[in-house]
Amino acid sequence: MNTLALSGTVIGLEPIRYTPAGLSLLSFVLQHASEQIEAGLRRKVECEVNAVVLGNLASELAKQQISLGMAINVQGFLAKRSAKSTQLIMHVTHLTLIDSNI
């Protein structure tokens, strides 16, 4: 299974662009911070995750003017950035603003 759910703050955002197939594509960076329990101990976790949104959801986000500093919840999956890359990127399939739904 390949699923990922994170909450965080948008700290990087690129302008919407289009794939060669004509799909809308929106790239952003999500900064996450939380406290997790590992081996019975509390652990502070911080990370930055590169993410992309494709298709109708990307178009909706662009229209809703997603911006830097927004707090969001995302769900999706991990994949390689490209066929020749080993770097992972999150492909977002669901996105919710912390204060409202998109």
PDB file of N, CA and C in Angstrom:
ATOM      1  N   MET A   1       0.846  -1.174   0.000  1.00  0.00           N
ATOM      2  CA  MET A   1       0.000   0.000   0.000  1.00  0.00           C
ATOM      3  C   MET A   1       0.893   1.238   0.000  1.00  0.00           C
ATOM      4  N   ASN A   2       0.492   2.255  -0.697  1.00  0.00           N
ATOM      5  CA  ASN A   2       1.255   3.503  -0.798  1.00  0.00           C
ATOM      6  C   ASN A   2       0.297   4.664  -0.563  1.00  0.00           C
ATOM      7  N   THR A   3       0.125   5.040   0.695  1.00  0.00           N
ATOM      8  CA  THR A   3      -0.713   6.187   1.029  1.00  0.00           C
ATOM      9  C   THR A   3       0.011   7.056   2.041  1.00  0.00           C
ATOM     10  N   LEU A   4      -0.258   8.338   1.979  1.00  0.00           N
ATOM     11  CA  LEU A   4       0.378   9.291   2.877  1.00  0.00           C
ATOM     12  C   LEU A   4      -0.628  10.383   3.202  1.00  0.00           C
ATOM     13  N   ALA A   5      -0.708  10.745   4.485  1.00  0.00           N
ATOM     14  CA  ALA A   5      -1.556  11.851   4.927  1.00  0.00           C
ATOM     15  C   ALA A   5      -0.707  12.745   5.820  1.00  0.00           C
ATOM     16  N   LEU A   6      -0.694  14.042   5.528  1.00  0.00           N
ATOM     17  CA  LEU A   6       0.090  15.009   6.287  1.00  0.00           C
ATOM     18  C   LEU A   6      -0.699  16.289   6.463  1.00  0.00           C
ATOM     19  N   SER A   7      -0.358  17.007   7.506  1.00  0.00           N
ATOM     20  CA  SER A   7      -0.849  18.373   7.651  1.00  0.00           C
ATOM     21  C   SER A   7       0.376  19.259   7.732  1.00  0.00           C
ATOM     22  N   GLY A   8       0.220  20.505   7.352  1.00  0.00           N
ATOM     23  CA  GLY A   8       1.346  21.417   7.421  1.00  0.00           C
ATOM     24  C   GLY A   8       1.024  22.761   6.809  1.00  0.00           C
ATOM     25  N   THR A   9       2.101  23.502   6.563  1.00  0.00           N
ATOM     26  CA  THR A   9       2.004  24.854   6.040  1.00  0.00           C
ATOM     27  C   THR A   9       2.690  24.922   4.677  1.00  0.00           C
ATOM     28  N   VAL A  10       2.049  25.596   3.732  1.00  0.00           N
ATOM     29  CA  VAL A  10       2.644  25.779   2.405  1.00  0.00           C
ATOM     30  C   VAL A  10       3.787  26.794   2.532  1.00  0.00           C
ATOM     31  N   ILE A  11       5.026  26.332   2.233  1.00  0.00           N
ATOM     32  CA  ILE A  11       6.181  27.236   2.339  1.00  0.00           C
ATOM     33  C   ILE A  11       6.840  27.500   0.989  1.00  0.00           C
ATOM     34  N   GLY A  12       6.389  26.835  -0.039  1.00  0.00           N
ATOM     35  CA  GLY A  12       6.877  27.069  -1.397  1.00  0.00           C
ATOM     36  C   GLY A  12       5.755  26.795  -2.368  1.00  0.00           C
ATOM     37  N   LEU A  13       5.630  27.610  -3.394  1.00  0.00           N
ATOM     38  CA  LEU A  13       4.523  27.460  -4.341  1.00  0.00           C
ATOM     39  C   LEU A  13       4.962  27.956  -5.710  1.00  0.00           C
ATOM     40  N   GLU A  14       4.824  27.097  -6.722  1.00  0.00           N
ATOM     41  CA  GLU A  14       5.154  27.473  -8.096  1.00  0.00           C
ATOM     42  C   GLU A  14       3.876  27.848  -8.837  1.00  0.00           C
ATOM     43  N   PRO A  15       3.989  28.677  -9.864  1.00  0.00           N
ATOM     44  CA  PRO A  15       2.803  28.998 -10.669  1.00  0.00           C
ATOM     45  C   PRO A  15       2.250  27.740 -11.343  1.00  0.00           C
ATOM     46  N   ILE A  16       0.950  27.722 -11.576  1.00  0.00           N
ATOM     47  CA  ILE A  16       0.341  26.576 -12.251  1.00  0.00           C
ATOM     48  C   ILE A  16       0.940  26.444 -13.646  1.00  0.00           C
ATOM     49  N   ARG A  17       1.161  25.208 -14.060  1.00  0.00           N
ATOM     50  CA  ARG A  17       1.646  24.941 -15.413  1.00  0.00           C
ATOM     51  C   ARG A  17       0.879  23.746 -15.966  1.00  0.00           C
ATOM     52  N   TYR A  18       1.198  23.344 -17.184  1.00  0.00           N
ATOM     53  CA  TYR A  18       0.433  22.292 -17.840  1.00  0.00           C
ATOM     54  C   TYR A  18       1.361  21.218 -18.382  1.00  0.00           C
ATOM     55  N   THR A  19       0.946  19.959 -18.248  1.00  0.00           N
ATOM     56  CA  THR A  19       1.720  18.839 -18.766  1.00  0.00           C
ATOM     57  C   THR A  19       1.579  18.815 -20.283  1.00  0.00           C
ATOM     58  N   PRO A  20       2.435  18.050 -20.983  1.00  0.00           N
ATOM     59  CA  PRO A  20       2.266  17.922 -22.441  1.00  0.00           C
ATOM     60  C   PRO A  20       0.880  17.385 -22.835  1.00  0.00           C
ATOM     61  N   ALA A  21       0.243  16.644 -21.932  1.00  0.00           N
ATOM     62  CA  ALA A  21      -1.098  16.122 -22.209  1.00  0.00           C
ATOM     63  C   ALA A  21      -2.187  17.142 -21.905  1.00  0.00           C
ATOM     64  N   GLY A  22      -1.801  18.331 -21.400  1.00  0.00           N
ATOM     65  CA  GLY A  22      -2.764  19.386 -21.137  1.00  0.00           C
ATOM     66  C   GLY A  22      -3.342  19.396 -19.731  1.00  0.00           C
ATOM     67  N   LEU A  23      -2.835  18.550 -18.836  1.00  0.00           N
ATOM     68  CA  LEU A  23      -3.322  18.539 -17.454  1.00  0.00           C
ATOM     69  C   LEU A  23      -2.710  19.685 -16.656  1.00  0.00           C
ATOM     70  N   SER A  24      -3.527  20.309 -15.822  1.00  0.00           N
ATOM     71  CA  SER A  24      -3.024  21.341 -14.916  1.00  0.00           C
ATOM     72  C   SER A  24      -2.111  20.683 -13.892  1.00  0.00           C
ATOM     73  N   LEU A  25      -1.024  21.372 -13.526  1.00  0.00           N
ATOM     74  CA  LEU A  25      -0.079  20.853 -12.546  1.00  0.00           C
ATOM     75  C   LEU A  25       0.351  21.977 -11.622  1.00  0.00           C
ATOM     76  N   LEU A  26       0.189  21.752 -10.329  1.00  0.00           N
ATOM     77  CA  LEU A  26       0.566  22.736  -9.323  1.00  0.00           C
ATOM     78  C   LEU A  26       1.563  22.087  -8.377  1.00  0.00           C
ATOM     79  N   SER A  27       2.742  22.691  -8.203  1.00  0.00           N
ATOM     80  CA  SER A  27       3.787  22.173  -7.315  1.00  0.00           C
ATOM     81  C   SER A  27       3.911  23.072  -6.100  1.00  0.00           C
ATOM     82  N   PHE A  28       4.104  22.450  -4.939  1.00  0.00           N
ATOM     83  CA  PHE A  28       4.321  23.226  -3.724  1.00  0.00           C
ATOM     84  C   PHE A  28       5.160  22.427  -2.733  1.00  0.00           C
ATOM     85  N   VAL A  29       5.627  23.099  -1.696  1.00  0.00           N
ATOM     86  CA  VAL A  29       6.381  22.461  -0.624  1.00  0.00           C
ATOM     87  C   VAL A  29       5.573  22.609   0.650  1.00  0.00           C
ATOM     88  N   LEU A  30       5.393  21.489   1.359  1.00  0.00           N
ATOM     89  CA  LEU A  30       4.632  21.460   2.598  1.00  0.00           C
ATOM     90  C   LEU A  30       5.595  21.256   3.764  1.00  0.00           C
ATOM     91  N   GLN A  31       5.521  22.143   4.745  1.00  0.00           N
ATOM     92  CA  GLN A  31       6.333  22.009   5.956  1.00  0.00           C
ATOM     93  C   GLN A  31       5.457  21.412   7.054  1.00  0.00           C
ATOM     94  N   HIS A  32       5.916  20.291   7.621  1.00  0.00           N
ATOM     95  CA  HIS A  32       5.155  19.571   8.648  1.00  0.00           C
ATOM     96  C   HIS A  32       5.934  19.559   9.954  1.00  0.00           C
ATOM     97  N   ALA A  33       5.230  19.707  11.076  1.00  0.00           N
ATOM     98  CA  ALA A  33       5.829  19.572  12.408  1.00  0.00           C
ATOM     99  C   ALA A  33       4.802  18.917  13.320  1.00  0.00           C
ATOM    100  N   SER A  34       5.230  17.896  14.057  1.00  0.00           N
ATOM    101  CA  SER A  34       4.336  17.212  14.990  1.00  0.00           C
ATOM    102  C   SER A  34       5.160  16.488  16.043  1.00  0.00           C
ATOM    103  N   GLU A  35       4.438  15.879  16.974  1.00  0.00           N
ATOM    104  CA  GLU A  35       5.077  15.044  17.976  1.00  0.00           C
ATOM    105  C   GLU A  35       4.502  13.648  17.826  1.00  0.00           C
ATOM    106  N   GLN A  36       5.371  12.647  17.717  1.00  0.00           N
ATOM    107  CA  GLN A  36       4.955  11.270  17.513  1.00  0.00           C
ATOM    108  C   GLN A  36       5.501  10.404  18.643  1.00  0.00           C
ATOM    109  N   ILE A  37       4.881   9.248  18.844  1.00  0.00           N
ATOM    110  CA  ILE A  37       5.358   8.279  19.818  1.00  0.00           C
ATOM    111  C   ILE A  37       6.108   7.186  19.053  1.00  0.00           C
ATOM    112  N   GLU A  38       7.359   6.962  19.433  1.00  0.00           N
ATOM    113  CA  GLU A  38       8.178   5.927  18.809  1.00  0.00           C
ATOM    114  C   GLU A  38       8.898   5.161  19.918  1.00  0.00           C
ATOM    115  N   ALA A  39       8.715   3.846  19.941  1.00  0.00           N
ATOM    116  CA  ALA A  39       9.324   2.991  20.962  1.00  0.00           C
ATOM    117  C   ALA A  39       8.977   3.480  22.365  1.00  0.00           C
ATOM    118  N   GLY A  40       7.743   3.981  22.516  1.00  0.00           N
ATOM    119  CA  GLY A  40       7.276   4.436  23.812  1.00  0.00           C
ATOM    120  C   GLY A  40       7.762   5.812  24.223  1.00  0.00           C
ATOM    121  N   LEU A  41       8.509   6.478  23.376  1.00  0.00           N
ATOM    122  CA  LEU A  41       9.047   7.801  23.686  1.00  0.00           C
ATOM    123  C   LEU A  41       8.475   8.847  22.742  1.00  0.00           C
ATOM    124  N   ARG A  42       8.322  10.065  23.258  1.00  0.00           N
ATOM    125  CA  ARG A  42       7.861  11.174  22.412  1.00  0.00           C
ATOM    126  C   ARG A  42       9.017  11.632  21.528  1.00  0.00           C
ATOM    127  N   ARG A  43       8.683  11.913  20.283  1.00  0.00           N
ATOM    128  CA  ARG A  43       9.694  12.369  19.337  1.00  0.00           C
ATOM    129  C   ARG A  43       9.140  13.533  18.546  1.00  0.00           C
ATOM    130  N   LYS A  44       9.889  14.628  18.479  1.00  0.00           N
ATOM    131  CA  LYS A  44       9.489  15.776  17.671  1.00  0.00           C
ATOM    132  C   LYS A  44       9.891  15.489  16.221  1.00  0.00           C
ATOM    133  N   VAL A  45       8.937  15.660  15.311  1.00  0.00           N
ATOM    134  CA  VAL A  45       9.165  15.368  13.896  1.00  0.00           C
ATOM    135  C   VAL A  45       8.957  16.636  13.090  1.00  0.00           C
ATOM    136  N   GLU A  46       9.920  16.970  12.265  1.00  0.00           N
ATOM    137  CA  GLU A  46       9.808  18.099  11.343  1.00  0.00           C
ATOM    138  C   GLU A  46      10.322  17.667   9.982  1.00  0.00           C
ATOM    139  N   CYS A  47       9.630  18.060   8.922  1.00  0.00           N
ATOM    140  CA  CYS A  47      10.093  17.737   7.574  1.00  0.00           C
ATOM    141  C   CYS A  47       9.468  18.694   6.564  1.00  0.00           C
ATOM    142  N   GLU A  48      10.078  18.730   5.398  1.00  0.00           N
ATOM    143  CA  GLU A  48       9.536  19.458   4.259  1.00  0.00           C
ATOM    144  C   GLU A  48       9.318  18.444   3.147  1.00  0.00           C
ATOM    145  N   VAL A  49       8.138  18.474   2.550  1.00  0.00           N
ATOM    146  CA  VAL A  49       7.769  17.501   1.536  1.00  0.00           C
ATOM    147  C   VAL A  49       7.411  18.230   0.245  1.00  0.00           C
ATOM    148  N   ASN A  50       8.066  17.846  -0.845  1.00  0.00           N
ATOM    149  CA  ASN A  50       7.703  18.360  -2.168  1.00  0.00           C
ATOM    150  C   ASN A  50       6.441  17.646  -2.619  1.00  0.00           C
ATOM    151  N   ALA A  51       5.490  18.407  -3.166  1.00  0.00           N
ATOM    152  CA  ALA A  51       4.206  17.828  -3.556  1.00  0.00           C
ATOM    153  C   ALA A  51       3.738  18.395  -4.888  1.00  0.00           C
ATOM    154  N   VAL A  52       2.937  17.599  -5.598  1.00  0.00           N
ATOM    155  CA  VAL A  52       2.298  18.054  -6.837  1.00  0.00           C
ATOM    156  C   VAL A  52       0.825  17.683  -6.802  1.00  0.00           C
ATOM    157  N   VAL A  53       0.033  18.512  -7.457  1.00  0.00           N
ATOM    158  CA  VAL A  53      -1.398  18.264  -7.630  1.00  0.00           C
ATOM    159  C   VAL A  53      -1.669  18.347  -9.125  1.00  0.00           C
ATOM    160  N   LEU A  54      -2.401  17.375  -9.667  1.00  0.00           N
ATOM    161  CA  LEU A  54      -2.687  17.331 -11.099  1.00  0.00           C
ATOM    162  C   LEU A  54      -4.179  17.432 -11.376  1.00  0.00           C
ATOM    163  N   GLY A  55      -4.507  17.883 -12.567  1.00  0.00           N
ATOM    164  CA  GLY A  55      -5.884  17.853 -13.047  1.00  0.00           C
ATOM    165  C   GLY A  55      -6.795  18.899 -12.449  1.00  0.00           C
ATOM    166  N   ASN A  56      -8.065  18.508 -12.259  1.00  0.00           N
ATOM    167  CA  ASN A  56      -9.095  19.438 -11.784  1.00  0.00           C
ATOM    168  C   ASN A  56      -8.766  20.032 -10.420  1.00  0.00           C
ATOM    169  N   LEU A  57      -8.192  19.218  -9.527  1.00  0.00           N
ATOM    170  CA  LEU A  57      -7.855  19.724  -8.195  1.00  0.00           C
ATOM    171  C   LEU A  57      -6.820  20.839  -8.299  1.00  0.00           C
ATOM    172  N   ALA A  58      -5.848  20.706  -9.184  1.00  0.00           N
ATOM    173  CA  ALA A  58      -4.845  21.766  -9.374  1.00  0.00           C
ATOM    174  C   ALA A  58      -5.507  23.039  -9.888  1.00  0.00           C
ATOM    175  N   SER A  59      -6.426  22.912 -10.830  1.00  0.00           N
ATOM    176  CA  SER A  59      -7.139  24.080 -11.356  1.00  0.00           C
ATOM    177  C   SER A  59      -7.963  24.760 -10.271  1.00  0.00           C
ATOM    178  N   GLU A  60      -8.650  23.975  -9.453  1.00  0.00           N
ATOM    179  CA  GLU A  60      -9.457  24.532  -8.355  1.00  0.00           C
ATOM    180  C   GLU A  60      -8.578  25.280  -7.358  1.00  0.00           C
ATOM    181  N   LEU A  61      -7.431  24.689  -7.023  1.00  0.00           N
ATOM    182  CA  LEU A  61      -6.531  25.338  -6.071  1.00  0.00           C
ATOM    183  C   LEU A  61      -6.013  26.657  -6.613  1.00  0.00           C
ATOM    184  N   ALA A  62      -5.693  26.698  -7.893  1.00  0.00           N
ATOM    185  CA  ALA A  62      -5.215  27.933  -8.505  1.00  0.00           C
ATOM    186  C   ALA A  62      -6.305  29.005  -8.457  1.00  0.00           C
ATOM    187  N   LYS A  63      -7.549  28.602  -8.722  1.00  0.00           N
ATOM    188  CA  LYS A  63      -8.667  29.553  -8.674  1.00  0.00           C
ATOM    189  C   LYS A  63      -8.930  30.032  -7.250  1.00  0.00           C
ATOM    190  N   GLN A  64      -8.774  29.139  -6.278  1.00  0.00           N
ATOM    191  CA  GLN A  64      -8.998  29.495  -4.872  1.00  0.00           C
ATOM    192  C   GLN A  64      -7.824  30.286  -4.305  1.00  0.00           C
ATOM    193  N   GLN A  65      -6.797  30.450  -5.115  1.00  0.00           N
ATOM    194  CA  GLN A  65      -5.614  31.224  -4.749  1.00  0.00           C
ATOM    195  C   GLN A  65      -4.919  30.668  -3.513  1.00  0.00           C
ATOM    196  N   ILE A  66      -4.563  29.382  -3.593  1.00  0.00           N
ATOM    197  CA  ILE A  66      -3.732  28.803  -2.542  1.00  0.00           C
ATOM    198  C   ILE A  66      -2.478  29.664  -2.444  1.00  0.00           C
ATOM    199  N   SER A  67      -2.017  29.910  -1.227  1.00  0.00           N
ATOM    200  CA  SER A  67      -0.888  30.828  -1.083  1.00  0.00           C
ATOM    201  C   SER A  67       0.066  30.372   0.018  1.00  0.00           C
ATOM    202  N   LEU A  68       1.208  31.007   0.043  1.00  0.00           N
ATOM    203  CA  LEU A  68       2.203  30.721   1.065  1.00  0.00           C
ATOM    204  C   LEU A  68       1.618  30.986   2.442  1.00  0.00           C
ATOM    205  N   GLY A  69       1.959  30.142   3.384  1.00  0.00           N
ATOM    206  CA  GLY A  69       1.494  30.315   4.756  1.00  0.00           C
ATOM    207  C   GLY A  69       0.177  29.633   5.073  1.00  0.00           C
ATOM    208  N   MET A  70      -0.527  29.109   4.058  1.00  0.00           N
ATOM    209  CA  MET A  70      -1.801  28.420   4.302  1.00  0.00           C
ATOM    210  C   MET A  70      -1.559  27.096   5.011  1.00  0.00           C
ATOM    211  N   ALA A  71      -2.399  26.797   5.985  1.00  0.00           N
ATOM    212  CA  ALA A  71      -2.357  25.512   6.680  1.00  0.00           C
ATOM    213  C   ALA A  71      -3.306  24.553   5.965  1.00  0.00           C
ATOM    214  N   ILE A  72      -2.798  23.361   5.608  1.00  0.00           N
ATOM    215  CA  ILE A  72      -3.588  22.407   4.831  1.00  0.00           C
ATOM    216  C   ILE A  72      -3.389  20.986   5.348  1.00  0.00           C
ATOM    217  N   ASN A  73      -4.351  20.139   5.024  1.00  0.00           N
ATOM    218  CA  ASN A  73      -4.252  18.692   5.187  1.00  0.00           C
ATOM    219  C   ASN A  73      -4.220  18.106   3.789  1.00  0.00           C
ATOM    220  N   VAL A  74      -3.324  17.152   3.558  1.00  0.00           N
ATOM    221  CA  VAL A  74      -3.245  16.518   2.243  1.00  0.00           C
ATOM    222  C   VAL A  74      -3.226  15.004   2.390  1.00  0.00           C
ATOM    223  N   GLN A  75      -3.743  14.339   1.370  1.00  0.00           N
ATOM    224  CA  GLN A  75      -3.683  12.887   1.266  1.00  0.00           C
ATOM    225  C   GLN A  75      -3.232  12.561  -0.144  1.00  0.00           C
ATOM    226  N   GLY A  76      -2.474  11.489  -0.285  1.00  0.00           N
ATOM    227  CA  GLY A  76      -2.015  11.099  -1.601  1.00  0.00           C
ATOM    228  C   GLY A  76      -1.069   9.920  -1.531  1.00  0.00           C
ATOM    229  N   PHE A  77      -0.109   9.889  -2.453  1.00  0.00           N
ATOM    230  CA  PHE A  77       0.834   8.779  -2.526  1.00  0.00           C
ATOM    231  C   PHE A  77       2.214   9.304  -2.912  1.00  0.00           C
ATOM    232  N   LEU A  78       3.239   8.483  -2.687  1.00  0.00           N
ATOM    233  CA  LEU A  78       4.611   8.838  -3.039  1.00  0.00           C
ATOM    234  C   LEU A  78       5.007   8.181  -4.348  1.00  0.00           C
ATOM    235  N   ALA A  79       5.794   8.896  -5.149  1.00  0.00           N
ATOM    236  CA  ALA A  79       6.325   8.362  -6.401  1.00  0.00           C
ATOM    237  C   ALA A  79       7.661   9.040  -6.676  1.00  0.00           C
ATOM    238  N   LYS A  80       8.450   8.438  -7.577  1.00  0.00           N
ATOM    239  CA  LYS A  80       9.701   9.068  -7.979  1.00  0.00           C
ATOM    240  C   LYS A  80       9.390  10.351  -8.745  1.00  0.00           C
ATOM    241  N   ARG A  81      10.257  11.354  -8.577  1.00  0.00           N
ATOM    242  CA  ARG A  81      10.074  12.632  -9.270  1.00  0.00           C
ATOM    243  C   ARG A  81      10.013  12.433 -10.786  1.00  0.00           C
ATOM    244  N   SER A  82      10.851  11.541 -11.304  1.00  0.00           N
ATOM    245  CA  SER A  82      10.858  11.227 -12.734  1.00  0.00           C
ATOM    246  C   SER A  82      11.381   9.809 -12.904  1.00  0.00           C
ATOM    247  N   ALA A  83      11.336   9.307 -14.113  1.00  0.00           N
ATOM    248  CA  ALA A  83      11.770   7.938 -14.377  1.00  0.00           C
ATOM    249  C   ALA A  83      13.235   7.707 -14.008  1.00  0.00           C
ATOM    250  N   LYS A  84      14.062   8.731 -14.137  1.00  0.00           N
ATOM    251  CA  LYS A  84      15.492   8.574 -13.867  1.00  0.00           C
ATOM    252  C   LYS A  84      15.904   9.052 -12.483  1.00  0.00           C
ATOM    253  N   SER A  85      14.967   9.513 -11.675  1.00  0.00           N
ATOM    254  CA  SER A  85      15.270  10.076 -10.367  1.00  0.00           C
ATOM    255  C   SER A  85      14.984   9.071  -9.255  1.00  0.00           C
ATOM    256  N   THR A  86      15.714   9.190  -8.154  1.00  0.00           N
ATOM    257  CA  THR A  86      15.394   8.402  -6.962  1.00  0.00           C
ATOM    258  C   THR A  86      14.712   9.271  -5.917  1.00  0.00           C
ATOM    259  N   GLN A  87      14.597  10.562  -6.185  1.00  0.00           N
ATOM    260  CA  GLN A  87      13.969  11.500  -5.252  1.00  0.00           C
ATOM    261  C   GLN A  87      12.453  11.290  -5.246  1.00  0.00           C
ATOM    262  N   LEU A  88      11.865  11.286  -4.040  1.00  0.00           N
ATOM    263  CA  LEU A  88      10.425  11.086  -3.908  1.00  0.00           C
ATOM    264  C   LEU A  88       9.676  12.409  -3.900  1.00  0.00           C
ATOM    265  N   ILE A  89       8.452  12.355  -4.400  1.00  0.00           N
ATOM    266  CA  ILE A  89       7.551  13.503  -4.377  1.00  0.00           C
ATOM    267  C   ILE A  89       6.153  12.985  -4.038  1.00  0.00           C
ATOM    268  N   MET A  90       5.408  13.774  -3.288  1.00  0.00           N
ATOM    269  CA  MET A  90       4.045  13.391  -2.937  1.00  0.00           C
ATOM    270  C   MET A  90       3.084  13.852  -4.023  1.00  0.00           C
ATOM    271  N   HIS A  91       2.258  12.935  -4.501  1.00  0.00           N
ATOM    272  CA  HIS A  91       1.190  13.262  -5.444  1.00  0.00           C
ATOM    273  C   HIS A  91      -0.091  13.394  -4.633  1.00  0.00           C
ATOM    274  N   VAL A  92      -0.620  14.587  -4.551  1.00  0.00           N
ATOM    275  CA  VAL A  92      -1.789  14.879  -3.721  1.00  0.00           C
ATOM    276  C   VAL A  92      -3.062  14.537  -4.481  1.00  0.00           C
ATOM    277  N   THR A  93      -3.924  13.747  -3.833  1.00  0.00           N
ATOM    278  CA  THR A  93      -5.216  13.392  -4.426  1.00  0.00           C
ATOM    279  C   THR A  93      -6.386  14.060  -3.704  1.00  0.00           C
ATOM    280  N   HIS A  94      -6.179  14.477  -2.456  1.00  0.00           N
ATOM    281  CA  HIS A  94      -7.188  15.201  -1.671  1.00  0.00           C
ATOM    282  C   HIS A  94      -6.485  16.291  -0.883  1.00  0.00           C
ATOM    283  N   LEU A  95      -7.072  17.457  -0.853  1.00  0.00           N
ATOM    284  CA  LEU A  95      -6.505  18.579  -0.112  1.00  0.00           C
ATOM    285  C   LEU A  95      -7.620  19.329   0.581  1.00  0.00           C
ATOM    286  N   THR A  96      -7.412  19.634   1.852  1.00  0.00           N
ATOM    287  CA  THR A  96      -8.378  20.403   2.627  1.00  0.00           C
ATOM    288  C   THR A  96      -7.660  21.528   3.318  1.00  0.00           C
ATOM    289  N   LEU A  97      -8.176  22.738   3.171  1.00  0.00           N
ATOM    290  CA  LEU A  97      -7.651  23.851   3.960  1.00  0.00           C
ATOM    291  C   LEU A  97      -8.044  23.581   5.400  1.00  0.00           C
ATOM    292  N   ILE A  98      -7.213  23.948   6.343  1.00  0.00           N
ATOM    293  CA  ILE A  98      -7.514  23.691   7.745  1.00  0.00           C
ATOM    294  C   ILE A  98      -8.841  24.337   8.147  1.00  0.00           C
ATOM    295  N   ASP A  99      -9.172  25.518   7.600  1.00  0.00           N
ATOM    296  CA  ASP A  99     -10.395  26.220   7.978  1.00  0.00           C
ATOM    297  C   ASP A  99     -11.569  25.998   7.035  1.00  0.00           C
ATOM    298  N   SER A 100     -11.339  25.375   5.856  1.00  0.00           N
ATOM    299  CA  SER A 100     -12.449  25.156   4.916  1.00  0.00           C
ATOM    300  C   SER A 100     -12.087  24.051   3.958  1.00  0.00           C
ATOM    301  N   ASN A 101     -13.046  23.627   3.137  1.00  0.00           N
ATOM    302  CA  ASN A 101     -12.832  22.551   2.167  1.00  0.00           C
ATOM    303  C   ASN A 101     -12.672  23.104   0.767  1.00  0.00           C
ATOM    304  N   ILE A 102     -11.819  22.437   0.015  1.00  0.00           N
ATOM    305  CA  ILE A 102     -11.710  22.718  -1.432  1.00  0.00           C
ATOM    306  C   ILE A 102     -12.070  21.444  -2.158  1.00  0.00           C
TER     307      ILE A 102
END
